[in-house]
């Protein structure tokens, strides 16, 4: 799985520096939020094997190059 917006991190629109800055400030100001997102992201990350990560990366790259 990838980042789940608001659960394991935040997604911001590509190239939108204002949105990125807002999310960064939100995280800087809220230690409980950082802890919650960090715990959820860690739980998701430890469930992955290297084979899972490699397969997901390969699938993503194939999708990007399939035109």
N, C-alpha and C. Protein backbone atom coordinates (compact mmCIF):
# COMPACT_ATOMS: atom_id res chain seq x y z
N UNK A 1 0.84 -1.19 0.00
CA UNK A 1 0.00 0.00 0.00
C UNK A 1 0.87 1.24 0.00
N UNK A 2 0.29 2.31 -0.40
CA UNK A 2 1.01 3.57 -0.42
C UNK A 2 0.50 4.45 0.72
N UNK A 3 0.87 5.69 0.72
CA UNK A 3 0.41 6.63 1.75
C UNK A 3 -1.11 6.75 1.68
N UNK A 4 -1.73 6.60 2.81
CA UNK A 4 -3.18 6.81 2.91
C UNK A 4 -3.39 8.18 3.53
N UNK A 5 -3.93 9.08 2.73
CA UNK A 5 -4.05 10.48 3.12
C UNK A 5 -4.80 10.63 4.45
N UNK A 6 -4.12 11.27 5.40
CA UNK A 6 -4.71 11.52 6.70
C UNK A 6 -4.64 10.34 7.65
N UNK A 7 -4.11 9.21 7.17
CA UNK A 7 -4.01 8.01 8.01
C UNK A 7 -2.55 7.67 8.27
N UNK A 8 -1.76 7.54 7.20
CA UNK A 8 -0.34 7.22 7.34
C UNK A 8 0.55 8.37 6.89
N UNK A 9 -0.04 9.46 6.51
CA UNK A 9 0.69 10.63 6.03
C UNK A 9 -0.27 11.54 5.30
N UNK A 10 0.29 12.41 4.50
CA UNK A 10 -0.55 13.31 3.72
C UNK A 10 -0.12 13.29 2.26
N UNK A 11 -1.09 13.42 1.40
CA UNK A 11 -0.85 13.58 -0.03
C UNK A 11 -1.17 15.03 -0.38
N UNK A 12 -0.31 15.64 -1.15
CA UNK A 12 -0.55 17.01 -1.62
C UNK A 12 -0.42 17.01 -3.14
N UNK A 13 -1.12 17.91 -3.80
CA UNK A 13 -1.03 17.96 -5.25
C UNK A 13 0.40 18.25 -5.73
N UNK A 14 0.81 17.56 -6.77
CA UNK A 14 2.14 17.75 -7.35
C UNK A 14 2.36 19.23 -7.69
N UNK A 15 3.47 19.75 -7.25
CA UNK A 15 3.84 21.12 -7.57
C UNK A 15 3.15 22.19 -6.74
N UNK A 16 2.31 21.80 -5.79
CA UNK A 16 1.58 22.77 -4.98
C UNK A 16 2.36 23.03 -3.69
N UNK A 17 3.28 23.98 -3.76
CA UNK A 17 4.14 24.29 -2.62
C UNK A 17 3.33 24.83 -1.44
N UNK A 18 2.27 25.56 -1.70
CA UNK A 18 1.44 26.09 -0.61
C UNK A 18 0.79 24.96 0.17
N UNK A 19 0.24 23.97 -0.52
CA UNK A 19 -0.39 22.83 0.15
C UNK A 19 0.64 22.06 0.97
N UNK A 20 1.82 21.87 0.41
CA UNK A 20 2.89 21.18 1.12
C UNK A 20 3.29 21.95 2.37
N UNK A 21 3.45 23.24 2.23
CA UNK A 21 3.83 24.08 3.38
C UNK A 21 2.77 24.03 4.47
N UNK A 22 1.49 24.07 4.09
CA UNK A 22 0.40 24.00 5.08
C UNK A 22 0.45 22.69 5.85
N UNK A 23 0.65 21.59 5.14
CA UNK A 23 0.72 20.28 5.81
C UNK A 23 1.94 20.19 6.71
N UNK A 24 3.07 20.72 6.26
CA UNK A 24 4.28 20.69 7.07
C UNK A 24 4.10 21.51 8.35
N UNK A 25 3.48 22.67 8.23
CA UNK A 25 3.22 23.49 9.41
C UNK A 25 2.25 22.80 10.36
N UNK A 26 1.24 22.16 9.79
CA UNK A 26 0.28 21.42 10.61
C UNK A 26 0.99 20.34 11.42
N UNK A 27 1.88 19.61 10.77
CA UNK A 27 2.64 18.57 11.46
C UNK A 27 3.60 19.16 12.50
N UNK A 28 4.22 20.27 12.17
CA UNK A 28 5.15 20.90 13.10
C UNK A 28 4.44 21.37 14.36
N UNK A 29 3.20 21.76 14.24
CA UNK A 29 2.45 22.32 15.36
C UNK A 29 1.68 21.29 16.18
N UNK A 30 1.61 20.03 15.74
CA UNK A 30 0.74 19.07 16.40
C UNK A 30 1.47 17.74 16.64
N UNK A 31 2.04 17.60 17.82
CA UNK A 31 2.80 16.39 18.13
C UNK A 31 1.92 15.14 18.19
N UNK A 32 0.67 15.29 18.62
CA UNK A 32 -0.24 14.14 18.64
C UNK A 32 -0.51 13.63 17.22
N UNK A 33 -0.70 14.56 16.30
CA UNK A 33 -0.92 14.19 14.90
C UNK A 33 0.32 13.47 14.35
N UNK A 34 1.50 14.02 14.61
CA UNK A 34 2.74 13.38 14.15
C UNK A 34 2.84 11.96 14.70
N UNK A 35 2.55 11.80 15.97
CA UNK A 35 2.63 10.48 16.60
C UNK A 35 1.63 9.51 15.97
N UNK A 36 0.40 9.96 15.77
CA UNK A 36 -0.64 9.10 15.20
C UNK A 36 -0.28 8.66 13.79
N UNK A 37 0.10 9.63 12.95
CA UNK A 37 0.47 9.29 11.57
C UNK A 37 1.71 8.40 11.55
N UNK A 38 2.66 8.71 12.41
CA UNK A 38 3.90 7.93 12.46
C UNK A 38 3.65 6.49 12.88
N UNK A 39 2.81 6.29 13.89
CA UNK A 39 2.49 4.92 14.33
C UNK A 39 1.79 4.14 13.21
N UNK A 40 0.83 4.77 12.57
CA UNK A 40 0.09 4.09 11.50
C UNK A 40 1.02 3.76 10.32
N UNK A 41 1.91 4.68 9.97
CA UNK A 41 2.84 4.44 8.87
C UNK A 41 3.80 3.31 9.21
N UNK A 42 4.27 3.30 10.46
CA UNK A 42 5.20 2.22 10.87
C UNK A 42 4.50 0.86 10.83
N UNK A 43 3.27 0.79 11.31
CA UNK A 43 2.53 -0.48 11.26
C UNK A 43 2.38 -0.96 9.82
N UNK A 44 2.09 -0.04 8.93
CA UNK A 44 1.95 -0.40 7.52
C UNK A 44 3.29 -0.85 6.95
N UNK A 45 4.36 -0.15 7.29
CA UNK A 45 5.68 -0.45 6.73
C UNK A 45 6.20 -1.81 7.19
N UNK A 46 6.03 -2.15 8.46
CA UNK A 46 6.58 -3.42 8.95
C UNK A 46 5.82 -4.62 8.39
N UNK A 47 4.62 -4.40 7.89
CA UNK A 47 3.85 -5.49 7.29
C UNK A 47 4.35 -5.85 5.89
N UNK A 48 5.18 -5.01 5.30
CA UNK A 48 5.68 -5.23 3.94
C UNK A 48 6.96 -6.05 3.97
N UNK A 49 7.10 -6.93 3.00
CA UNK A 49 8.36 -7.63 2.79
C UNK A 49 9.10 -6.92 1.66
N UNK A 50 10.36 -7.26 1.49
CA UNK A 50 11.11 -6.68 0.37
C UNK A 50 10.50 -7.12 -0.96
N UNK A 51 10.00 -8.35 -1.02
CA UNK A 51 9.36 -8.81 -2.25
C UNK A 51 8.10 -7.99 -2.57
N UNK A 52 7.32 -7.67 -1.52
CA UNK A 52 6.12 -6.84 -1.72
C UNK A 52 6.51 -5.46 -2.24
N UNK A 53 7.53 -4.88 -1.62
CA UNK A 53 7.97 -3.54 -2.02
C UNK A 53 8.49 -3.54 -3.45
N UNK A 54 9.27 -4.56 -3.80
CA UNK A 54 9.81 -4.65 -5.17
C UNK A 54 8.68 -4.82 -6.19
N UNK A 55 7.71 -5.66 -5.87
CA UNK A 55 6.60 -5.88 -6.80
C UNK A 55 5.77 -4.62 -6.98
N UNK A 56 5.52 -3.89 -5.89
CA UNK A 56 4.75 -2.65 -5.99
C UNK A 56 5.51 -1.60 -6.79
N UNK A 57 6.82 -1.52 -6.58
CA UNK A 57 7.64 -0.56 -7.33
C UNK A 57 7.64 -0.91 -8.82
N UNK A 58 7.80 -2.19 -9.12
CA UNK A 58 7.79 -2.62 -10.51
C UNK A 58 6.45 -2.31 -11.17
N UNK A 59 5.36 -2.59 -10.49
CA UNK A 59 4.03 -2.33 -11.04
C UNK A 59 3.84 -0.84 -11.30
N UNK A 60 4.30 -0.02 -10.37
CA UNK A 60 4.18 1.43 -10.53
C UNK A 60 5.00 1.92 -11.74
N UNK A 61 6.21 1.43 -11.85
CA UNK A 61 7.06 1.84 -12.98
C UNK A 61 6.47 1.37 -14.31
N UNK A 62 5.91 0.18 -14.32
CA UNK A 62 5.29 -0.33 -15.55
C UNK A 62 4.09 0.54 -15.92
N UNK A 63 3.32 0.96 -14.93
CA UNK A 63 2.18 1.85 -15.19
C UNK A 63 2.63 3.19 -15.75
N UNK A 64 3.71 3.72 -15.21
CA UNK A 64 4.22 5.01 -15.67
C UNK A 64 4.75 4.97 -17.09
N UNK A 65 5.29 3.82 -17.48
CA UNK A 65 5.92 3.72 -18.79
C UNK A 65 5.02 3.08 -19.84
N UNK A 66 3.80 2.72 -19.48
CA UNK A 66 2.90 2.04 -20.42
C UNK A 66 2.11 3.07 -21.23
N UNK A 67 2.67 3.47 -22.32
CA UNK A 67 1.95 4.37 -23.25
C UNK A 67 2.10 3.94 -24.66
